[in-house]
Amino acid sequence: MASPSRGTKVAVIVVVVLAGVMFAMYFAVHRQVVHGKTMEGRTALLDIGRGAVAAYDKDRTLCPTATPAPAKLDTCVSAAQGGTGYQSMHTEWNGFACLGFEVTGPQHYQYTYERTDDGFVARANGCLPEMGTLEIRGRVTSGHLELGPVVLVVPPR
């Protein structure tokens, strides 16, 4: 049997290198897409936190716990898997009225706000498992509602 020619060996090497580059690019792009979508959640949580602080400063009372929007995470998941974000209805945000918060465009998170004994915790549950859950907390200290310094990333479910 004849050994492969030098040109065949070079062609095989080129194909293997190209496959490796394409593989690396796929994961880099995927990571950027997920990071871009997490910005939606981070921004929304900061808006919820600012709304909670403004409401507390105005009335000296914490906003009540809100119904999650969307109410079922499955609704959000199916829209995200289809390549689009979930488009909520205005009525789904009634519980967030005290916070002055509503998402009017497509969303990639389910948002929750829970009043606690000494503050609140707000979460953005990713519609896709790799997006994980983002969280921000606020606590009443010396008569002021203060936001936590960071939005925590809870590991994906």
N, C-alpha and C. Protein backbone atom coordinates (compact mmCIF):
# COMPACT_ATOMS: atom_id res chain seq x y z
N MET A 1 0.84 -1.16 0.00
CA MET A 1 0.00 0.00 0.00
C MET A 1 0.90 1.25 0.00
N ALA A 2 0.55 2.20 -0.80
CA ALA A 2 1.35 3.43 -0.93
C ALA A 2 1.03 4.36 0.23
N SER A 3 2.08 5.08 0.68
CA SER A 3 1.86 6.04 1.77
C SER A 3 1.21 7.30 1.20
N PRO A 4 0.40 8.00 2.07
CA PRO A 4 -0.27 9.20 1.59
C PRO A 4 0.74 10.26 1.15
N SER A 5 0.35 11.01 0.16
CA SER A 5 1.25 12.06 -0.34
C SER A 5 1.33 13.21 0.65
N ARG A 6 2.34 14.03 0.48
CA ARG A 6 2.54 15.18 1.35
C ARG A 6 1.33 16.12 1.29
N GLY A 7 0.74 16.29 0.12
CA GLY A 7 -0.44 17.15 -0.05
C GLY A 7 -1.63 16.65 0.75
N THR A 8 -1.81 15.35 0.83
CA THR A 8 -2.92 14.75 1.59
C THR A 8 -2.73 15.01 3.07
N LYS A 9 -1.50 14.87 3.55
CA LYS A 9 -1.22 15.11 4.97
C LYS A 9 -1.50 16.57 5.33
N VAL A 10 -1.09 17.49 4.48
CA VAL A 10 -1.32 18.92 4.72
C VAL A 10 -2.83 19.21 4.73
N ALA A 11 -3.56 18.61 3.83
CA ALA A 11 -5.00 18.82 3.76
C ALA A 11 -5.69 18.34 5.04
N VAL A 12 -5.26 17.20 5.55
CA VAL A 12 -5.84 16.66 6.78
C VAL A 12 -5.53 17.60 7.95
N ILE A 13 -4.31 18.10 8.02
CA ILE A 13 -3.93 19.02 9.10
C ILE A 13 -4.77 20.30 9.02
N VAL A 14 -4.96 20.83 7.83
CA VAL A 14 -5.75 22.04 7.64
C VAL A 14 -7.19 21.81 8.10
N VAL A 15 -7.77 20.69 7.75
CA VAL A 15 -9.14 20.37 8.14
C VAL A 15 -9.26 20.27 9.66
N VAL A 16 -8.31 19.61 10.30
CA VAL A 16 -8.34 19.47 11.76
C VAL A 16 -8.20 20.83 12.44
N VAL A 17 -7.31 21.67 11.96
CA VAL A 17 -7.13 23.01 12.53
C VAL A 17 -8.40 23.83 12.36
N LEU A 18 -9.00 23.81 11.17
CA LEU A 18 -10.23 24.56 10.93
C LEU A 18 -11.37 24.07 11.83
N ALA A 19 -11.47 22.78 12.00
CA ALA A 19 -12.51 22.22 12.87
C ALA A 19 -12.31 22.70 14.31
N GLY A 20 -11.07 22.74 14.76
CA GLY A 20 -10.77 23.22 16.11
C GLY A 20 -11.12 24.69 16.28
N VAL A 21 -10.81 25.50 15.28
CA VAL A 21 -11.11 26.93 15.33
C VAL A 21 -12.63 27.14 15.36
N MET A 22 -13.35 26.42 14.52
CA MET A 22 -14.81 26.55 14.49
C MET A 22 -15.42 26.13 15.82
N PHE A 23 -14.90 25.07 16.41
CA PHE A 23 -15.38 24.59 17.70
C PHE A 23 -15.19 25.67 18.77
N ALA A 24 -14.02 26.28 18.80
CA ALA A 24 -13.72 27.33 19.78
C ALA A 24 -14.60 28.56 19.55
N MET A 25 -14.83 28.92 18.29
CA MET A 25 -15.66 30.07 17.97
C MET A 25 -17.11 29.85 18.42
N TYR A 26 -17.61 28.64 18.26
CA TYR A 26 -18.98 28.32 18.67
C TYR A 26 -19.16 28.62 20.16
N PHE A 27 -18.24 28.15 20.99
CA PHE A 27 -18.37 28.36 22.42
C PHE A 27 -18.17 29.82 22.81
N ALA A 28 -17.31 30.53 22.11
CA ALA A 28 -17.11 31.95 22.39
C ALA A 28 -18.37 32.75 22.07
N VAL A 29 -18.98 32.47 20.94
CA VAL A 29 -20.21 33.17 20.54
C VAL A 29 -21.34 32.83 21.51
N HIS A 30 -21.47 31.55 21.86
CA HIS A 30 -22.51 31.13 22.79
C HIS A 30 -22.37 31.85 24.13
N ARG A 31 -21.14 31.96 24.63
CA ARG A 31 -20.90 32.63 25.90
C ARG A 31 -21.29 34.11 25.81
N GLN A 32 -20.98 34.76 24.70
CA GLN A 32 -21.33 36.17 24.52
C GLN A 32 -22.83 36.37 24.45
N VAL A 33 -23.54 35.46 23.79
CA VAL A 33 -25.00 35.56 23.70
C VAL A 33 -25.61 35.44 25.09
N VAL A 34 -25.17 34.46 25.86
CA VAL A 34 -25.68 34.29 27.22
C VAL A 34 -25.34 35.51 28.07
N HIS A 35 -24.13 36.04 27.96
CA HIS A 35 -23.73 37.23 28.72
C HIS A 35 -24.62 38.42 28.34
N GLY A 36 -24.90 38.56 27.06
CA GLY A 36 -25.76 39.65 26.62
C GLY A 36 -27.15 39.56 27.23
N LYS A 37 -27.67 38.35 27.31
CA LYS A 37 -29.00 38.17 27.89
C LYS A 37 -28.97 38.38 29.41
N THR A 38 -27.86 38.07 30.07
CA THR A 38 -27.80 38.31 31.51
C THR A 38 -27.80 39.81 31.82
N MET A 39 -27.38 40.62 30.88
CA MET A 39 -27.43 42.07 31.09
C MET A 39 -28.87 42.54 31.26
N GLU A 40 -29.79 41.91 30.55
CA GLU A 40 -31.21 42.24 30.73
C GLU A 40 -31.61 42.02 32.19
N GLY A 41 -31.25 40.86 32.72
CA GLY A 41 -31.61 40.53 34.10
C GLY A 41 -30.96 41.45 35.11
N ARG A 42 -29.68 41.74 34.91
CA ARG A 42 -28.96 42.62 35.84
C ARG A 42 -29.56 44.03 35.85
N THR A 43 -29.82 44.55 34.67
CA THR A 43 -30.40 45.89 34.56
C THR A 43 -31.78 45.94 35.20
N ALA A 44 -32.59 44.92 34.92
CA ALA A 44 -33.94 44.88 35.48
C ALA A 44 -33.91 44.81 37.01
N LEU A 45 -33.01 43.99 37.55
CA LEU A 45 -32.93 43.88 39.01
C LEU A 45 -32.49 45.20 39.65
N LEU A 46 -31.58 45.90 39.01
CA LEU A 46 -31.18 47.21 39.54
C LEU A 46 -32.35 48.19 39.49
N ASP A 47 -33.16 48.11 38.43
CA ASP A 47 -34.35 48.96 38.34
C ASP A 47 -35.36 48.61 39.43
N ILE A 48 -35.55 47.31 39.69
CA ILE A 48 -36.45 46.88 40.76
C ILE A 48 -35.93 47.40 42.10
N GLY A 49 -34.63 47.26 42.32
CA GLY A 49 -34.04 47.74 43.57
C GLY A 49 -34.21 49.23 43.75
N ARG A 50 -33.96 50.00 42.70
CA ARG A 50 -34.12 51.46 42.78
C ARG A 50 -35.58 51.82 43.05
N GLY A 51 -36.50 51.07 42.41
CA GLY A 51 -37.93 51.31 42.64
C GLY A 51 -38.32 51.03 44.08
N ALA A 52 -37.76 49.97 44.65
CA ALA A 52 -38.05 49.62 46.05
C ALA A 52 -37.54 50.71 46.99
N VAL A 53 -36.35 51.22 46.72
CA VAL A 53 -35.78 52.29 47.54
C VAL A 53 -36.63 53.55 47.43
N ALA A 54 -37.03 53.91 46.22
CA ALA A 54 -37.85 55.12 46.02
C ALA A 54 -39.20 54.99 46.73
N ALA A 55 -39.82 53.82 46.64
CA ALA A 55 -41.11 53.60 47.30
C ALA A 55 -40.95 53.67 48.82
N TYR A 56 -39.86 53.11 49.33
CA TYR A 56 -39.63 53.13 50.78
C TYR A 56 -39.35 54.56 51.25
N ASP A 57 -38.57 55.29 50.50
CA ASP A 57 -38.27 56.68 50.87
C ASP A 57 -39.53 57.54 50.90
N LYS A 58 -40.47 57.23 50.01
CA LYS A 58 -41.70 58.01 49.92
C LYS A 58 -42.67 57.68 51.05
N ASP A 59 -42.91 56.39 51.31
CA ASP A 59 -43.96 55.97 52.26
C ASP A 59 -43.44 55.35 53.55
N ARG A 60 -42.14 55.12 53.66
CA ARG A 60 -41.53 54.45 54.82
C ARG A 60 -42.13 53.06 55.06
N THR A 61 -42.51 52.41 53.97
CA THR A 61 -43.00 51.04 54.05
C THR A 61 -42.47 50.26 52.85
N LEU A 62 -42.24 48.98 53.04
CA LEU A 62 -41.74 48.12 51.96
C LEU A 62 -42.89 47.72 51.04
N CYS A 63 -42.60 47.60 49.76
CA CYS A 63 -43.60 47.13 48.80
C CYS A 63 -43.97 45.68 49.13
N PRO A 64 -45.23 45.30 48.89
CA PRO A 64 -45.63 43.92 49.16
C PRO A 64 -45.01 42.95 48.14
N THR A 65 -44.97 41.68 48.51
CA THR A 65 -44.47 40.63 47.62
C THR A 65 -45.29 40.65 46.33
N ALA A 66 -44.61 40.52 45.20
CA ALA A 66 -45.27 40.54 43.89
C ALA A 66 -45.38 39.13 43.32
N THR A 67 -46.42 38.91 42.53
CA THR A 67 -46.58 37.66 41.80
C THR A 67 -45.50 37.60 40.73
N PRO A 68 -44.82 36.46 40.55
CA PRO A 68 -43.79 36.37 39.52
C PRO A 68 -44.33 36.74 38.13
N ALA A 69 -43.47 37.31 37.32
CA ALA A 69 -43.85 37.64 35.94
C ALA A 69 -42.78 37.10 34.99
N PRO A 70 -43.14 36.17 34.12
CA PRO A 70 -44.43 35.51 34.01
C PRO A 70 -44.69 34.58 35.19
N ALA A 71 -45.96 34.27 35.41
CA ALA A 71 -46.34 33.47 36.57
C ALA A 71 -45.69 32.09 36.55
N LYS A 72 -45.55 31.50 35.37
CA LYS A 72 -44.95 30.17 35.25
C LYS A 72 -43.66 30.27 34.43
N LEU A 73 -42.59 29.75 34.97
CA LEU A 73 -41.30 29.78 34.29
C LEU A 73 -41.36 29.00 32.98
N ASP A 74 -42.18 27.96 32.90
CA ASP A 74 -42.30 27.15 31.68
C ASP A 74 -42.69 28.00 30.47
N THR A 75 -43.54 28.99 30.69
CA THR A 75 -43.97 29.88 29.61
C THR A 75 -42.78 30.61 29.02
N CYS A 76 -41.92 31.09 29.89
CA CYS A 76 -40.71 31.82 29.50
C CYS A 76 -39.73 30.88 28.80
N VAL A 77 -39.59 29.66 29.31
CA VAL A 77 -38.64 28.69 28.77
C VAL A 77 -38.99 28.33 27.33
N SER A 78 -40.26 28.06 27.06
CA SER A 78 -40.65 27.65 25.71
C SER A 78 -40.41 28.77 24.70
N ALA A 79 -40.64 30.02 25.09
CA ALA A 79 -40.38 31.15 24.19
C ALA A 79 -38.89 31.29 23.92
N ALA A 80 -38.06 31.13 24.97
CA ALA A 80 -36.61 31.26 24.81
C ALA A 80 -36.05 30.14 23.94
N GLN A 81 -36.56 28.94 24.10
CA GLN A 81 -36.08 27.82 23.28
C GLN A 81 -36.46 28.01 21.83
N GLY A 82 -37.55 28.73 21.58
CA GLY A 82 -37.97 29.02 20.22
C GLY A 82 -37.17 30.14 19.58
N GLY A 83 -36.25 30.75 20.33
CA GLY A 83 -35.40 31.80 19.79
C GLY A 83 -35.90 33.20 20.03
N THR A 84 -37.06 33.33 20.66
CA THR A 84 -37.58 34.66 20.96
C THR A 84 -37.72 34.79 22.46
N GLY A 85 -37.80 35.98 22.93
CA GLY A 85 -38.05 36.19 24.35
C GLY A 85 -39.55 36.12 24.60
N TYR A 86 -39.91 35.94 25.84
CA TYR A 86 -41.31 35.91 26.23
C TYR A 86 -41.86 37.33 26.23
N GLN A 87 -43.02 37.53 25.64
CA GLN A 87 -43.65 38.84 25.61
C GLN A 87 -44.78 38.85 26.63
N SER A 88 -44.54 39.48 27.76
CA SER A 88 -45.56 39.50 28.82
C SER A 88 -46.63 40.54 28.52
N MET A 89 -47.76 40.34 29.18
CA MET A 89 -48.87 41.29 29.05
C MET A 89 -48.77 42.30 30.20
N HIS A 90 -49.33 43.45 30.00
CA HIS A 90 -49.30 44.52 31.01
C HIS A 90 -49.86 44.03 32.35
N THR A 91 -50.91 43.22 32.32
CA THR A 91 -51.55 42.76 33.55
C THR A 91 -50.65 41.84 34.38
N GLU A 92 -49.63 41.23 33.77
CA GLU A 92 -48.73 40.36 34.52
C GLU A 92 -47.84 41.14 35.49
N TRP A 93 -47.77 42.46 35.34
CA TRP A 93 -46.89 43.30 36.15
C TRP A 93 -47.63 44.04 37.25
N ASN A 94 -48.90 43.71 37.49
CA ASN A 94 -49.68 44.42 38.51
C ASN A 94 -48.99 44.39 39.87
N GLY A 95 -48.40 43.27 40.24
CA GLY A 95 -47.72 43.15 41.53
C GLY A 95 -46.48 44.02 41.66
N PHE A 96 -45.96 44.50 40.53
CA PHE A 96 -44.75 45.31 40.53
C PHE A 96 -45.06 46.81 40.48
N ALA A 97 -46.34 47.17 40.54
CA ALA A 97 -46.74 48.58 40.41
C ALA A 97 -46.10 49.44 41.50
N CYS A 98 -46.04 48.95 42.72
CA CYS A 98 -45.43 49.70 43.82
C CYS A 98 -43.98 50.03 43.52
N LEU A 99 -43.32 49.17 42.76
CA LEU A 99 -41.91 49.35 42.41
C LEU A 99 -41.73 50.21 41.17
N GLY A 100 -42.83 50.48 40.46
CA GLY A 100 -42.74 51.24 39.22
C GLY A 100 -41.96 50.47 38.15
N PHE A 101 -42.12 49.15 38.12
CA PHE A 101 -41.32 48.31 37.22
C PHE A 101 -42.22 47.48 36.32
N GLU A 102 -41.84 47.43 35.04
CA GLU A 102 -42.52 46.59 34.07
C GLU A 102 -41.60 46.39 32.87
N VAL A 103 -41.57 45.19 32.34
CA VAL A 103 -40.82 44.92 31.11
C VAL A 103 -41.82 44.98 29.97
N THR A 104 -41.56 45.85 29.00
CA THR A 104 -42.50 46.02 27.89
C THR A 104 -42.07 45.29 26.63
N GLY A 105 -40.82 44.89 26.55
CA GLY A 105 -40.34 44.16 25.38
C GLY A 105 -40.16 42.69 25.69
N PRO A 106 -39.63 41.93 24.74
CA PRO A 106 -39.38 40.51 24.99
C PRO A 106 -38.43 40.33 26.18
N GLN A 107 -38.71 39.35 27.01
CA GLN A 107 -37.88 39.12 28.19
C GLN A 107 -37.35 37.69 28.19
N HIS A 108 -36.18 37.53 28.81
CA HIS A 108 -35.52 36.23 28.89
C HIS A 108 -35.39 35.76 30.33
N TYR A 109 -36.14 36.40 31.24
CA TYR A 109 -36.12 36.07 32.65
C TYR A 109 -37.53 36.11 33.23
N GLN A 110 -37.72 35.33 34.28
CA GLN A 110 -38.91 35.44 35.11
C GLN A 110 -38.48 36.28 36.31
N TYR A 111 -39.22 37.35 36.60
CA TYR A 111 -38.86 38.26 37.68
C TYR A 111 -39.72 38.02 38.91
N THR A 112 -39.08 38.04 40.09
CA THR A 112 -39.79 37.90 41.35
C THR A 112 -39.32 38.99 42.31
N TYR A 113 -40.23 39.38 43.19
CA TYR A 113 -39.91 40.33 44.26
C TYR A 113 -40.59 39.82 45.52
N GLU A 114 -39.81 39.61 46.56
CA GLU A 114 -40.35 39.10 47.81
C GLU A 114 -39.97 40.02 48.97
N ARG A 115 -40.98 40.45 49.67
CA ARG A 115 -40.75 41.27 50.87
C ARG A 115 -40.30 40.34 51.99
N THR A 116 -39.27 40.74 52.73
CA THR A 116 -38.79 39.96 53.86
C THR A 116 -39.01 40.77 55.14
N ASP A 117 -38.66 40.21 56.29
CA ASP A 117 -38.85 40.91 57.56
C ASP A 117 -38.12 42.25 57.62
N ASP A 118 -36.92 42.31 57.03
CA ASP A 118 -36.12 43.53 57.14
C ASP A 118 -35.71 44.11 55.79
N GLY A 119 -36.41 43.74 54.72
CA GLY A 119 -36.06 44.25 53.40
C GLY A 119 -36.76 43.49 52.30
N PHE A 120 -35.99 43.13 51.27
CA PHE A 120 -36.56 42.40 50.14
C PHE A 120 -35.48 41.59 49.45
N VAL A 121 -35.92 40.65 48.63
CA VAL A 121 -35.03 39.94 47.72
C VAL A 121 -35.76 39.88 46.37
N ALA A 122 -35.05 40.27 45.33
CA ALA A 122 -35.60 40.21 43.97
C ALA A 122 -34.73 39.25 43.16
N ARG A 123 -35.38 38.46 42.32
CA ARG A 123 -34.65 37.48 41.51
C ARG A 123 -35.07 37.56 40.06
N ALA A 124 -34.11 37.23 39.21
CA ALA A 124 -34.37 37.06 37.78
C ALA A 124 -33.96 35.62 37.46
N ASN A 125 -34.95 34.78 37.23
CA ASN A 125 -34.71 33.36 36.92
C ASN A 125 -34.59 33.22 35.42
N GLY A 126 -33.43 32.78 34.94
CA GLY A 126 -33.20 32.65 33.51
C GLY A 126 -34.14 31.66 32.86
N CYS A 127 -34.64 32.02 31.68
CA CYS A 127 -35.53 31.13 30.95
C CYS A 127 -34.78 29.91 30.44
N LEU A 128 -33.48 30.04 30.23
CA LEU A 128 -32.65 28.93 29.81
C LEU A 128 -31.75 28.55 30.97
N PRO A 129 -31.54 27.26 31.22
CA PRO A 129 -30.77 26.83 32.39
C PRO A 129 -29.38 27.46 32.49
N GLU A 130 -28.70 27.66 31.36
CA GLU A 130 -27.34 28.21 31.44
C GLU A 130 -27.31 29.67 31.87
N MET A 131 -28.47 30.32 31.92
CA MET A 131 -28.53 31.72 32.34
C MET A 131 -28.56 31.85 33.86
N GLY A 132 -28.89 30.77 34.56
CA GLY A 132 -28.89 30.80 36.01
C GLY A 132 -29.92 31.75 36.60
N THR A 133 -29.69 32.14 37.83
CA THR A 133 -30.57 33.06 38.54
C THR A 133 -29.75 34.21 39.08
N LEU A 134 -30.22 35.40 38.85
CA LEU A 134 -29.59 36.61 39.36
C LEU A 134 -30.40 37.09 40.55
N GLU A 135 -29.74 37.73 41.50
CA GLU A 135 -30.44 38.12 42.73
C GLU A 135 -29.87 39.42 43.27
N ILE A 136 -30.76 40.23 43.83
CA ILE A 136 -30.34 41.44 44.54
C ILE A 136 -31.18 41.54 45.81
N ARG A 137 -30.57 42.03 46.86
CA ARG A 137 -31.26 42.16 48.14
C ARG A 137 -31.19 43.60 48.62
N GLY A 138 -32.21 43.98 49.38
CA GLY A 138 -32.24 45.27 50.02
C GLY A 138 -32.57 45.07 51.49
N ARG A 139 -32.05 45.93 52.34
CA ARG A 139 -32.27 45.79 53.78
C ARG A 139 -32.47 47.16 54.42
N VAL A 140 -33.44 47.24 55.32
CA VAL A 140 -33.68 48.49 56.03
C VAL A 140 -32.66 48.59 57.15
N THR A 141 -31.87 49.66 57.09
CA THR A 141 -30.83 49.93 58.08
C THR A 141 -30.94 51.39 58.50
N SER A 142 -31.10 51.64 59.79
CA SER A 142 -31.18 53.01 60.32
C SER A 142 -32.23 53.84 59.59
N GLY A 143 -33.37 53.25 59.32
CA GLY A 143 -34.46 53.99 58.70
C GLY A 143 -34.36 54.19 57.21
N HIS A 144 -33.36 53.57 56.54
CA HIS A 144 -33.20 53.68 55.09
C HIS A 144 -33.13 52.29 54.47
N LEU A 145 -33.73 52.14 53.31
CA LEU A 145 -33.63 50.89 52.56
C LEU A 145 -32.37 50.96 51.71
N GLU A 146 -31.43 50.07 51.98
CA GLU A 146 -30.17 50.06 51.24
C GLU A 146 -30.06 48.82 50.38
N LEU A 147 -29.63 49.01 49.15
CA LEU A 147 -29.41 47.89 48.23
C LEU A 147 -28.09 47.21 48.55
N GLY A 148 -28.06 45.89 48.33
CA GLY A 148 -26.80 45.16 48.46
C GLY A 148 -25.83 45.66 47.40
N PRO A 149 -24.54 45.49 47.62
CA PRO A 149 -23.54 46.05 46.72
C PRO A 149 -23.43 45.34 45.38
N VAL A 150 -23.92 44.11 45.29
CA VAL A 150 -23.75 43.37 44.03
C VAL A 150 -25.01 42.59 43.71
N VAL A 151 -25.14 42.23 42.43
CA VAL A 151 -26.17 41.30 42.00
C VAL A 151 -25.50 39.94 42.01
N LEU A 152 -25.96 39.04 42.84
CA LEU A 152 -25.34 37.73 42.99
C LEU A 152 -25.78 36.80 41.86
N VAL A 153 -24.86 36.01 41.37
CA VAL A 153 -25.20 35.01 40.37
C VAL A 153 -25.32 33.68 41.09
N VAL A 154 -26.53 33.16 41.15
CA VAL A 154 -26.78 31.87 41.77
C VAL A 154 -26.52 30.82 40.68
N PRO A 155 -25.81 29.74 40.98
CA PRO A 155 -25.49 28.75 39.94
C PRO A 155 -26.73 28.26 39.18
N PRO A 156 -26.56 27.92 37.89
CA PRO A 156 -27.70 27.45 37.09
C PRO A 156 -28.37 26.25 37.74
N ARG A 157 -29.66 26.18 37.53
CA ARG A 157 -30.45 25.06 38.07
C ARG A 157 -30.30 23.81 37.25
